[in-house]
């Protein structure tokens, strides 16, 4: 009787580890993303070992067919994965196989469609889906600094409830970042929003990688050629990410701001505090923080935001 293969028996395990190092070092992916993607690669390798009945190496990975991938996805669905989670799993598999193809000098791997999702998923967007969108958009960017930029912008829209135009208008004057951020909104009204640590870290990562710098008085988020970043580029990146993840058409950059508000309300934030955080036109025309001091805003935010 032949003993069952373990993960350590597959030469492809070392390829998966090298891919994880590539994601961490060259693509500047977060440790959370690297761990999740590496776990997906290990699951795929273990499945193929059972499915093919042989040790899995780079050559085998480079010549997978649709049947192999459909079998893997079917097994994962049988383990209870949702449609959105399955789409995320498939995205990680595609990335891994693209890396293997480049390493092996092989043709691009075969494509398999993800699960069919009902269109028009209502807002708000779930926090986990927002994280998936930011990570997927970044993973698909042409260069590491652009990946860091897109992730920072998307996390900023949700983490601080900014309008996309407000994010695009930020300058190097906001650096170095602290626990709060001063934002100029409609009608030139200024408001203070708390800055979550993951959002702050994402912006700092972008600044460190950007070839265009972030001098005081100059636009913070830049396009590929160094000019101001156009909002349409973020909309396009998010649109492509939501298609890959099987999310609804209403999952837009503005939906992230809407989700920020809905999630805060759902977790106990009072309307007055929320109006202050969002900078809505219904606020007093003469006072930005009527009846709500900064310390109270910070407490409301930290107690109510699901990522705080």
C-alpha atoms as a PDB file:
ATOM      1  CA  UNK A   1       0.000   0.000   0.000  1.00  0.00           C
ATOM      2  CA  UNK A   2       1.429   3.395  -1.055  1.00  0.00           C
ATOM      3  CA  UNK A   3       1.602   5.998   1.682  1.00  0.00           C
ATOM      4  CA  UNK A   4      -0.336   9.200   1.104  1.00  0.00           C
ATOM      5  CA  UNK A   5       1.704  12.178  -0.060  1.00  0.00           C
ATOM      6  CA  UNK A   6       2.130  15.051   2.356  1.00  0.00           C
ATOM      7  CA  UNK A   7       2.603  18.675   1.365  1.00  0.00           C
ATOM      8  CA  UNK A   8       6.337  18.374   2.032  1.00  0.00           C
ATOM      9  CA  UNK A   9       6.522  15.613  -0.605  1.00  0.00           C
ATOM     10  CA  UNK A  10       5.586  18.051  -3.380  1.00  0.00           C
ATOM     11  CA  UNK A  11       8.430  20.027  -5.054  1.00  0.00           C
ATOM     12  CA  UNK A  12       5.852  22.721  -5.834  1.00  0.00           C
ATOM     13  CA  UNK A  13       5.787  23.628  -2.145  1.00  0.00           C
ATOM     14  CA  UNK A  14       9.100  25.476  -2.600  1.00  0.00           C
ATOM     15  CA  UNK A  15       7.662  27.306  -5.620  1.00  0.00           C
ATOM     16  CA  UNK A  16       4.723  28.447  -3.487  1.00  0.00           C
ATOM     17  CA  UNK A  17       7.096  29.747  -0.822  1.00  0.00           C
ATOM     18  CA  UNK A  18       9.109  31.608  -3.496  1.00  0.00           C
ATOM     19  CA  UNK A  19       5.869  33.093  -4.821  1.00  0.00           C
ATOM     20  CA  UNK A  20       4.948  34.265  -1.329  1.00  0.00           C
ATOM     21  CA  UNK A  21       8.359  35.929  -1.020  1.00  0.00           C
ATOM     22  CA  UNK A  22       7.743  37.617  -4.385  1.00  0.00           C
ATOM     23  CA  UNK A  23       4.378  38.938  -3.183  1.00  0.00           C
ATOM     24  CA  UNK A  24       5.940  40.235   0.014  1.00  0.00           C
ATOM     25  CA  UNK A  25       9.146  41.685  -1.458  1.00  0.00           C
ATOM     26  CA  UNK A  26       8.285  42.763  -5.017  1.00  0.00           C
ATOM     27  CA  UNK A  27       4.539  43.323  -4.868  1.00  0.00           C
ATOM     28  CA  UNK A  28       4.587  44.769  -1.343  1.00  0.00           C
ATOM     29  CA  UNK A  29       1.539  42.787  -0.309  1.00  0.00           C
ATOM     30  CA  UNK A  30       0.487  42.793   3.332  1.00  0.00           C
ATOM     31  CA  UNK A  31       1.386  39.867   5.576  1.00  0.00           C
ATOM     32  CA  UNK A  32      -2.306  39.033   5.843  1.00  0.00           C
ATOM     33  CA  UNK A  33      -2.594  38.760   2.058  1.00  0.00           C
ATOM     34  CA  UNK A  34       0.625  36.764   1.727  1.00  0.00           C
ATOM     35  CA  UNK A  35      -0.540  34.245   4.336  1.00  0.00           C
ATOM     36  CA  UNK A  36      -3.944  33.884   2.687  1.00  0.00           C
ATOM     37  CA  UNK A  37      -2.476  33.471  -0.802  1.00  0.00           C
ATOM     38  CA  UNK A  38       0.156  30.990   0.366  1.00  0.00           C
ATOM     39  CA  UNK A  39      -2.540  28.938   2.097  1.00  0.00           C
ATOM     40  CA  UNK A  40      -4.459  28.858  -1.196  1.00  0.00           C
ATOM     41  CA  UNK A  41      -1.372  27.651  -3.077  1.00  0.00           C
ATOM     42  CA  UNK A  42      -0.805  24.908  -0.514  1.00  0.00           C
ATOM     43  CA  UNK A  43      -4.438  23.821  -0.772  1.00  0.00           C
ATOM     44  CA  UNK A  44      -4.187  23.669  -4.557  1.00  0.00           C
ATOM     45  CA  UNK A  45      -0.977  21.635  -4.424  1.00  0.00           C
ATOM     46  CA  UNK A  46      -2.453  19.184  -1.902  1.00  0.00           C
ATOM     47  CA  UNK A  47      -5.610  18.802  -4.032  1.00  0.00           C
ATOM     48  CA  UNK A  48      -3.586  18.139  -7.187  1.00  0.00           C
ATOM     49  CA  UNK A  49      -1.524  15.544  -5.370  1.00  0.00           C
ATOM     50  CA  UNK A  50      -4.728  13.669  -4.573  1.00  0.00           C
ATOM     51  CA  UNK A  51      -6.353  14.384  -7.922  1.00  0.00           C
ATOM     52  CA  UNK A  52      -3.366  13.392 -10.047  1.00  0.00           C
ATOM     53  CA  UNK A  53      -1.981  10.768  -7.688  1.00  0.00           C
ATOM     54  CA  UNK A  54       1.564  12.086  -8.054  1.00  0.00           C
ATOM     55  CA  UNK A  55       3.956  14.616  -6.608  1.00  0.00           C
ATOM     56  CA  UNK A  56       3.235  18.133  -7.866  1.00  0.00           C
ATOM     57  CA  UNK A  57       6.046  20.164  -9.417  1.00  0.00           C
ATOM     58  CA  UNK A  58       6.362  23.284 -11.555  1.00  0.00           C
ATOM     59  CA  UNK A  59       5.936  21.392 -14.821  1.00  0.00           C
ATOM     60  CA  UNK A  60       2.640  19.886 -13.664  1.00  0.00           C
ATOM     61  CA  UNK A  61       1.340  23.249 -12.444  1.00  0.00           C
ATOM     62  CA  UNK A  62       2.246  24.838 -15.784  1.00  0.00           C
ATOM     63  CA  UNK A  63       0.076  22.409 -17.743  1.00  0.00           C
ATOM     64  CA  UNK A  64      -3.088  22.278 -15.642  1.00  0.00           C
ATOM     65  CA  UNK A  65      -6.311  22.051 -17.587  1.00  0.00           C
ATOM     66  CA  UNK A  66      -9.792  23.377 -16.848  1.00  0.00           C
ATOM     67  CA  UNK A  67     -10.814  20.055 -15.351  1.00  0.00           C
ATOM     68  CA  UNK A  68      -8.124  20.353 -12.681  1.00  0.00           C
ATOM     69  CA  UNK A  69      -9.157  23.856 -11.722  1.00  0.00           C
ATOM     70  CA  UNK A  70     -12.881  23.119 -11.789  1.00  0.00           C
ATOM     71  CA  UNK A  71     -12.265  20.094  -9.587  1.00  0.00           C
ATOM     72  CA  UNK A  72     -10.369  22.223  -7.097  1.00  0.00           C
ATOM     73  CA  UNK A  73     -13.075  24.886  -6.993  1.00  0.00           C
ATOM     74  CA  UNK A  74     -15.766  22.227  -6.622  1.00  0.00           C
ATOM     75  CA  UNK A  75     -13.926  20.790  -3.625  1.00  0.00           C
ATOM     76  CA  UNK A  76     -13.631  24.215  -2.047  1.00  0.00           C
ATOM     77  CA  UNK A  77     -17.310  24.963  -2.654  1.00  0.00           C
ATOM     78  CA  UNK A  78     -18.114  21.649  -1.016  1.00  0.00           C
ATOM     79  CA  UNK A  79     -16.250  22.872   2.065  1.00  0.00           C
ATOM     80  CA  UNK A  80     -18.749  25.718   2.393  1.00  0.00           C
ATOM     81  CA  UNK A  81     -17.065  28.600   0.566  1.00  0.00           C
ATOM     82  CA  UNK A  82     -19.406  31.428  -0.450  1.00  0.00           C
ATOM     83  CA  UNK A  83     -19.491  32.746  -4.011  1.00  0.00           C
ATOM     84  CA  UNK A  84     -17.448  35.826  -3.124  1.00  0.00           C
ATOM     85  CA  UNK A  85     -14.880  33.787  -1.168  1.00  0.00           C
ATOM     86  CA  UNK A  86     -14.633  31.342  -4.073  1.00  0.00           C
ATOM     87  CA  UNK A  87     -13.979  34.243  -6.445  1.00  0.00           C
ATOM     88  CA  UNK A  88     -11.200  35.463  -4.129  1.00  0.00           C
ATOM     89  CA  UNK A  89      -9.745  31.947  -4.015  1.00  0.00           C
ATOM     90  CA  UNK A  90      -9.775  31.755  -7.814  1.00  0.00           C
ATOM     91  CA  UNK A  91      -8.050  35.141  -8.034  1.00  0.00           C
ATOM     92  CA  UNK A  92      -5.227  33.856  -5.815  1.00  0.00           C
ATOM     93  CA  UNK A  93      -4.953  30.644  -7.866  1.00  0.00           C
ATOM     94  CA  UNK A  94      -4.702  32.624 -11.104  1.00  0.00           C
ATOM     95  CA  UNK A  95      -1.972  34.801  -9.648  1.00  0.00           C
ATOM     96  CA  UNK A  96      -0.030  31.757  -8.458  1.00  0.00           C
ATOM     97  CA  UNK A  97      -0.310  29.971 -11.804  1.00  0.00           C
ATOM     98  CA  UNK A  98       0.734  33.120 -13.686  1.00  0.00           C
ATOM     99  CA  UNK A  99       3.848  33.209 -11.506  1.00  0.00           C
ATOM    100  CA  UNK A 100       4.542  29.516 -12.181  1.00  0.00           C
ATOM    101  CA  UNK A 101       4.101  30.003 -15.936  1.00  0.00           C
ATOM    102  CA  UNK A 102       6.658  32.816 -15.920  1.00  0.00           C
ATOM    103  CA  UNK A 103       9.051  30.727 -13.851  1.00  0.00           C
ATOM    104  CA  UNK A 104       8.676  27.670 -16.080  1.00  0.00           C
ATOM    105  CA  UNK A 105       8.724  29.603 -19.361  1.00  0.00           C
ATOM    106  CA  UNK A 106       5.303  28.215 -20.189  1.00  0.00           C
ATOM    107  CA  UNK A 107       2.244  29.686 -21.846  1.00  0.00           C
ATOM    108  CA  UNK A 108      -0.303  31.546 -19.745  1.00  0.00           C
ATOM    109  CA  UNK A 109      -2.475  29.108 -17.757  1.00  0.00           C
ATOM    110  CA  UNK A 110      -6.018  28.260 -18.819  1.00  0.00           C
ATOM    111  CA  UNK A 111      -8.791  30.504 -17.540  1.00  0.00           C
ATOM    112  CA  UNK A 112     -11.782  29.300 -15.578  1.00  0.00           C
ATOM    113  CA  UNK A 113     -14.826  31.458 -14.896  1.00  0.00           C
ATOM    114  CA  UNK A 114     -15.665  32.154 -11.294  1.00  0.00           C
ATOM    115  CA  UNK A 115     -19.048  31.494  -9.681  1.00  0.00           C
ATOM    116  CA  UNK A 116     -22.049  33.360 -11.018  1.00  0.00           C
ATOM    117  CA  UNK A 117     -23.180  36.084  -8.643  1.00  0.00           C
ATOM    118  CA  UNK A 118     -26.521  37.846  -8.707  1.00  0.00           C
ATOM    119  CA  UNK A 119     -26.038  41.375  -9.962  1.00  0.00           C
ATOM    120  CA  UNK A 120     -27.057  44.424  -8.031  1.00  0.00           C
ATOM    121  CA  UNK A 121     -25.786  43.410  -4.608  1.00  0.00           C
ATOM    122  CA  UNK A 122     -27.263  46.106  -2.369  1.00  0.00           C
ATOM    123  CA  UNK A 123     -25.122  48.490  -0.423  1.00  0.00           C
ATOM    124  CA  UNK A 124     -23.437  48.625   1.995  1.00  0.00           C
ATOM    125  CA  UNK A 125     -20.430  46.555   1.035  1.00  0.00           C
ATOM    126  CA  UNK A 126     -19.297  44.087   3.701  1.00  0.00           C
ATOM    127  CA  UNK A 127     -15.993  44.986   5.442  1.00  0.00           C
ATOM    128  CA  UNK A 128     -14.349  41.749   4.268  1.00  0.00           C
ATOM    129  CA  UNK A 129     -15.402  42.450   0.684  1.00  0.00           C
ATOM    130  CA  UNK A 130     -13.950  45.955   0.909  1.00  0.00           C
ATOM    131  CA  UNK A 131     -10.622  44.518   2.067  1.00  0.00           C
ATOM    132  CA  UNK A 132     -10.772  42.009  -0.800  1.00  0.00           C
ATOM    133  CA  UNK A 133     -11.455  44.777  -3.332  1.00  0.00           C
ATOM    134  CA  UNK A 134      -8.499  46.854  -2.118  1.00  0.00           C
ATOM    135  CA  UNK A 135      -6.166  43.867  -2.179  1.00  0.00           C
ATOM    136  CA  UNK A 136      -7.377  42.639  -5.580  1.00  0.00           C
ATOM    137  CA  UNK A 137      -7.098  46.076  -7.184  1.00  0.00           C
ATOM    138  CA  UNK A 138      -3.579  46.458  -5.809  1.00  0.00           C
ATOM    139  CA  UNK A 139      -2.571  42.972  -6.941  1.00  0.00           C
ATOM    140  CA  UNK A 140      -3.583  43.810 -10.517  1.00  0.00           C
ATOM    141  CA  UNK A 141      -1.646  47.087 -10.703  1.00  0.00           C
ATOM    142  CA  UNK A 142       1.223  47.470 -13.159  1.00  0.00           C
ATOM    143  CA  UNK A 143       3.851  48.530 -10.599  1.00  0.00           C
ATOM    144  CA  UNK A 144       4.295  48.133  -6.841  1.00  0.00           C
ATOM    145  CA  UNK A 145       3.929  51.875  -6.150  1.00  0.00           C
ATOM    146  CA  UNK A 146       0.694  51.999  -8.155  1.00  0.00           C
ATOM    147  CA  UNK A 147      -0.537  48.953  -6.256  1.00  0.00           C
ATOM    148  CA  UNK A 148       0.218  50.724  -2.982  1.00  0.00           C
ATOM    149  CA  UNK A 149      -1.514  53.874  -4.250  1.00  0.00           C
ATOM    150  CA  UNK A 150      -4.745  52.127  -5.247  1.00  0.00           C
ATOM    151  CA  UNK A 151      -4.925  50.191  -1.997  1.00  0.00           C
ATOM    152  CA  UNK A 152      -4.293  53.355   0.043  1.00  0.00           C
ATOM    153  CA  UNK A 153      -7.011  55.326  -1.771  1.00  0.00           C
ATOM    154  CA  UNK A 154      -9.650  52.599  -1.467  1.00  0.00           C
ATOM    155  CA  UNK A 155      -8.926  52.008   2.216  1.00  0.00           C
ATOM    156  CA  UNK A 156      -9.048  55.766   2.805  1.00  0.00           C
ATOM    157  CA  UNK A 157     -12.512  56.070   1.228  1.00  0.00           C
ATOM    158  CA  UNK A 158     -13.904  53.426   3.569  1.00  0.00           C
ATOM    159  CA  UNK A 159     -11.725  53.937   6.618  1.00  0.00           C
ATOM    160  CA  UNK A 160     -12.320  57.698   6.812  1.00  0.00           C
ATOM    161  CA  UNK A 161     -15.534  58.102   4.800  1.00  0.00           C
ATOM    162  CA  UNK A 162     -13.978  60.469   2.263  1.00  0.00           C
ATOM    163  CA  UNK A 163     -15.506  61.452  -1.049  1.00  0.00           C
ATOM    164  CA  UNK A 164     -13.215  60.432  -3.911  1.00  0.00           C
ATOM    165  CA  UNK A 165     -12.649  64.080  -4.820  1.00  0.00           C
ATOM    166  CA  UNK A 166     -11.557  64.808  -1.241  1.00  0.00           C
ATOM    167  CA  UNK A 167      -9.011  62.001  -1.377  1.00  0.00           C
ATOM    168  CA  UNK A 168      -7.665  63.202  -4.738  1.00  0.00           C
ATOM    169  CA  UNK A 169      -7.236  66.724  -3.327  1.00  0.00           C
ATOM    170  CA  UNK A 170      -5.006  65.669  -0.418  1.00  0.00           C
ATOM    171  CA  UNK A 171      -1.502  67.090  -0.513  1.00  0.00           C
ATOM    172  CA  UNK A 172       1.833  66.361   1.104  1.00  0.00           C
ATOM    173  CA  UNK A 173       0.816  68.772   3.864  1.00  0.00           C
ATOM    174  CA  UNK A 174      -0.950  65.899   5.645  1.00  0.00           C
ATOM    175  CA  UNK A 175       2.436  64.263   6.310  1.00  0.00           C
ATOM    176  CA  UNK A 176       3.575  63.029   8.700  1.00  0.00           C
ATOM    177  CA  UNK A 177       0.291  61.317   9.466  1.00  0.00           C
ATOM    178  CA  UNK A 178      -1.156  61.331  12.949  1.00  0.00           C
ATOM    179  CA  UNK A 179      -4.320  59.986  14.557  1.00  0.00           C
ATOM    180  CA  UNK A 180      -6.526  62.436  12.646  1.00  0.00           C
ATOM    181  CA  UNK A 181      -6.720  63.919   9.178  1.00  0.00           C
ATOM    182  CA  UNK A 182      -7.929  67.372   8.143  1.00  0.00           C
ATOM    183  CA  UNK A 183     -10.161  67.160   5.068  1.00  0.00           C
ATOM    184  CA  UNK A 184     -11.562  69.979   2.963  1.00  0.00           C
ATOM    185  CA  UNK A 185     -14.946  69.037   1.568  1.00  0.00           C
ATOM    186  CA  UNK A 186     -17.787  70.677  -0.288  1.00  0.00           C
ATOM    187  CA  UNK A 187     -18.199  74.436   0.068  1.00  0.00           C
ATOM    188  CA  UNK A 188     -14.593  74.510   1.344  1.00  0.00           C
ATOM    189  CA  UNK A 189     -15.692  73.161   4.736  1.00  0.00           C
ATOM    190  CA  UNK A 190     -12.939  71.547   6.756  1.00  0.00           C
ATOM    191  CA  UNK A 191     -13.522  68.625   9.034  1.00  0.00           C
ATOM    192  CA  UNK A 192     -11.361  66.309  11.108  1.00  0.00           C
ATOM    193  CA  UNK A 193     -11.624  62.551  10.623  1.00  0.00           C
ATOM    194  CA  UNK A 194      -9.835  59.912  12.694  1.00  0.00           C
ATOM    195  CA  UNK A 195      -7.155  57.893  10.913  1.00  0.00           C
ATOM    196  CA  UNK A 196      -7.210  54.134  11.382  1.00  0.00           C
ATOM    197  CA  UNK A 197      -3.790  52.494  11.745  1.00  0.00           C
ATOM    198  CA  UNK A 198      -4.244  50.233   8.642  1.00  0.00           C
ATOM    199  CA  UNK A 199      -5.174  53.273   6.530  1.00  0.00           C
ATOM    200  CA  UNK A 200      -2.245  55.282   7.865  1.00  0.00           C
ATOM    201  CA  UNK A 201       0.133  52.384   7.147  1.00  0.00           C
ATOM    202  CA  UNK A 202      -1.243  52.004   3.606  1.00  0.00           C
ATOM    203  CA  UNK A 203      -0.666  55.705   2.851  1.00  0.00           C
ATOM    204  CA  UNK A 204       2.824  55.608   4.346  1.00  0.00           C
ATOM    205  CA  UNK A 205       3.635  52.536   2.236  1.00  0.00           C
ATOM    206  CA  UNK A 206       2.501  54.387  -0.888  1.00  0.00           C
ATOM    207  CA  UNK A 207       4.563  57.479  -0.002  1.00  0.00           C
ATOM    208  CA  UNK A 208       7.647  55.326   0.576  1.00  0.00           C
ATOM    209  CA  UNK A 209       7.283  53.646  -2.837  1.00  0.00           C
ATOM    210  CA  UNK A 210       6.123  56.586  -4.955  1.00  0.00           C
ATOM    211  CA  UNK A 211       8.773  57.873  -7.385  1.00  0.00           C
ATOM    212  CA  UNK A 212       7.131  61.306  -7.399  1.00  0.00           C
ATOM    213  CA  UNK A 213       7.568  62.295  -3.757  1.00  0.00           C
ATOM    214  CA  UNK A 214       4.994  63.977  -1.538  1.00  0.00           C
ATOM    215  CA  UNK A 215       6.229  67.523  -0.937  1.00  0.00           C
ATOM    216  CA  UNK A 216       4.108  70.000   1.050  1.00  0.00           C
ATOM    217  CA  UNK A 217       1.653  71.801  -1.184  1.00  0.00           C
ATOM    218  CA  UNK A 218       1.841  69.137  -3.901  1.00  0.00           C
ATOM    219  CA  UNK A 219      -0.803  66.546  -4.723  1.00  0.00           C
ATOM    220  CA  UNK A 220      -0.334  63.366  -2.712  1.00  0.00           C
ATOM    221  CA  UNK A 221      -1.837  60.766  -5.046  1.00  0.00           C
ATOM    222  CA  UNK A 222      -0.227  60.770  -8.496  1.00  0.00           C
ATOM    223  CA  UNK A 223      -0.919  59.151 -11.833  1.00  0.00           C
ATOM    224  CA  UNK A 224       1.628  56.934 -13.579  1.00  0.00           C
ATOM    225  CA  UNK A 225       3.257  59.938 -15.290  1.00  0.00           C
ATOM    226  CA  UNK A 226       3.365  62.062 -12.175  1.00  0.00           C
ATOM    227  CA  UNK A 227       0.305  64.227 -12.708  1.00  0.00           C
ATOM    228  CA  UNK A 228      -2.670  64.365 -10.335  1.00  0.00           C
ATOM    229  CA  UNK A 229      -4.432  61.020 -10.045  1.00  0.00           C
ATOM    230  CA  UNK A 230      -7.710  61.040 -11.976  1.00  0.00           C
ATOM    231  CA  UNK A 231     -10.719  59.688 -10.041  1.00  0.00           C
ATOM    232  CA  UNK A 232     -11.648  57.605 -13.096  1.00  0.00           C
ATOM    233  CA  UNK A 233      -8.511  55.503 -12.633  1.00  0.00           C
ATOM    234  CA  UNK A 234      -9.661  54.503  -9.156  1.00  0.00           C
ATOM    235  CA  UNK A 235     -13.185  53.833 -10.437  1.00  0.00           C
ATOM    236  CA  UNK A 236     -11.711  51.680 -13.200  1.00  0.00           C
ATOM    237  CA  UNK A 237      -9.492  49.721 -10.790  1.00  0.00           C
ATOM    238  CA  UNK A 238     -12.423  49.109  -8.467  1.00  0.00           C
ATOM    239  CA  UNK A 239     -14.705  48.158 -11.354  1.00  0.00           C
ATOM    240  CA  UNK A 240     -12.208  45.524 -12.551  1.00  0.00           C
ATOM    241  CA  UNK A 241     -11.740  44.204  -9.004  1.00  0.00           C
ATOM    242  CA  UNK A 242     -15.472  43.853  -8.384  1.00  0.00           C
ATOM    243  CA  UNK A 243     -15.874  41.931 -11.660  1.00  0.00           C
ATOM    244  CA  UNK A 244     -13.093  39.528 -10.693  1.00  0.00           C
ATOM    245  CA  UNK A 245     -14.640  39.078  -7.239  1.00  0.00           C
ATOM    246  CA  UNK A 246     -18.196  38.716  -8.528  1.00  0.00           C
ATOM    247  CA  UNK A 247     -19.549  41.747  -6.674  1.00  0.00           C
ATOM    248  CA  UNK A 248     -22.473  43.895  -7.799  1.00  0.00           C
ATOM    249  CA  UNK A 249     -22.373  46.904 -10.113  1.00  0.00           C
ATOM    250  CA  UNK A 250     -23.257  49.210  -7.240  1.00  0.00           C
ATOM    251  CA  UNK A 251     -19.938  48.440  -5.576  1.00  0.00           C
ATOM    252  CA  UNK A 252     -18.336  51.779  -6.447  1.00  0.00           C
ATOM    253  CA  UNK A 253     -15.892  54.146  -4.728  1.00  0.00           C
ATOM    254  CA  UNK A 254     -18.833  56.154  -3.388  1.00  0.00           C
ATOM    255  CA  UNK A 255     -20.308  52.931  -1.996  1.00  0.00           C
ATOM    256  CA  UNK A 256     -17.254  52.754   0.286  1.00  0.00           C
ATOM    257  CA  UNK A 257     -18.219  56.099   1.825  1.00  0.00           C
ATOM    258  CA  UNK A 258     -21.819  54.910   2.096  1.00  0.00           C
ATOM    259  CA  UNK A 259     -20.602  51.715   3.787  1.00  0.00           C
ATOM    260  CA  UNK A 260     -18.519  53.749   6.227  1.00  0.00           C
ATOM    261  CA  UNK A 261     -21.668  55.625   7.280  1.00  0.00           C
ATOM    262  CA  UNK A 262     -23.952  52.582   7.374  1.00  0.00           C
ATOM    263  CA  UNK A 263     -21.534  50.470   9.373  1.00  0.00           C
ATOM    264  CA  UNK A 264     -20.952  53.231  11.917  1.00  0.00           C
ATOM    265  CA  UNK A 265     -24.692  53.756  12.380  1.00  0.00           C
ATOM    266  CA  UNK A 266     -25.259  50.032  12.693  1.00  0.00           C
ATOM    267  CA  UNK A 267     -22.694  49.830  15.462  1.00  0.00           C
ATOM    268  CA  UNK A 268     -24.088  52.635  17.590  1.00  0.00           C
ATOM    269  CA  UNK A 269     -22.803  55.940  16.227  1.00  0.00           C
ATOM    270  CA  UNK A 270     -25.253  58.808  16.718  1.00  0.00           C
ATOM    271  CA  UNK A 271     -26.426  60.779  13.705  1.00  0.00           C
ATOM    272  CA  UNK A 272     -24.932  64.050  14.858  1.00  0.00           C
ATOM    273  CA  UNK A 273     -21.448  62.579  15.199  1.00  0.00           C
ATOM    274  CA  UNK A 274     -21.796  60.858  11.859  1.00  0.00           C
ATOM    275  CA  UNK A 275     -22.778  64.115  10.180  1.00  0.00           C
ATOM    276  CA  UNK A 276     -19.617  65.673  11.569  1.00  0.00           C
ATOM    277  CA  UNK A 277     -17.464  62.837  10.293  1.00  0.00           C
ATOM    278  CA  UNK A 278     -19.017  62.924   6.824  1.00  0.00           C
ATOM    279  CA  UNK A 279     -19.115  66.701   6.472  1.00  0.00           C
ATOM    280  CA  UNK A 280     -22.705  66.684   5.278  1.00  0.00           C
ATOM    281  CA  UNK A 281     -24.320  69.923   4.088  1.00  0.00           C
ATOM    282  CA  UNK A 282     -26.856  69.696   6.912  1.00  0.00           C
ATOM    283  CA  UNK A 283     -24.191  70.770   9.403  1.00  0.00           C
ATOM    284  CA  UNK A 284     -24.147  74.331  10.673  1.00  0.00           C
ATOM    285  CA  UNK A 285     -22.883  76.743   8.025  1.00  0.00           C
ATOM    286  CA  UNK A 286     -20.843  78.608  10.586  1.00  0.00           C
ATOM    287  CA  UNK A 287     -19.417  75.843  12.742  1.00  0.00           C
ATOM    288  CA  UNK A 288     -17.794  72.652  11.627  1.00  0.00           C
ATOM    289  CA  UNK A 289     -18.086  70.821  14.926  1.00  0.00           C
ATOM    290  CA  UNK A 290     -21.265  72.091  16.531  1.00  0.00           C
ATOM    291  CA  UNK A 291     -21.760  70.447  19.882  1.00  0.00           C
ATOM    292  CA  UNK A 292     -19.272  67.662  19.242  1.00  0.00           C
ATOM    293  CA  UNK A 293     -15.682  67.961  20.340  1.00  0.00           C
ATOM    294  CA  UNK A 294     -12.764  66.108  18.773  1.00  0.00           C
ATOM    295  CA  UNK A 295     -12.286  63.739  21.719  1.00  0.00           C
ATOM    296  CA  UNK A 296     -15.903  62.607  21.491  1.00  0.00           C
ATOM    297  CA  UNK A 297     -15.587  62.072  17.742  1.00  0.00           C
ATOM    298  CA  UNK A 298     -12.538  59.861  18.289  1.00  0.00           C
ATOM    299  CA  UNK A 299     -14.373  57.773  20.895  1.00  0.00           C
ATOM    300  CA  UNK A 300     -17.420  57.321  18.662  1.00  0.00           C
ATOM    301  CA  UNK A 301     -15.247  56.336  15.731  1.00  0.00           C
ATOM    302  CA  UNK A 302     -13.079  53.829  17.594  1.00  0.00           C
ATOM    303  CA  UNK A 303     -16.066  52.207  19.311  1.00  0.00           C
ATOM    304  CA  UNK A 304     -18.213  51.967  16.186  1.00  0.00           C
ATOM    305  CA  UNK A 305     -15.969  51.342  13.158  1.00  0.00           C
ATOM    306  CA  UNK A 306     -15.673  47.609  12.414  1.00  0.00           C
ATOM    307  CA  UNK A 307     -11.966  48.001  11.531  1.00  0.00           C
ATOM    308  CA  UNK A 308     -11.016  50.087  14.558  1.00  0.00           C
END
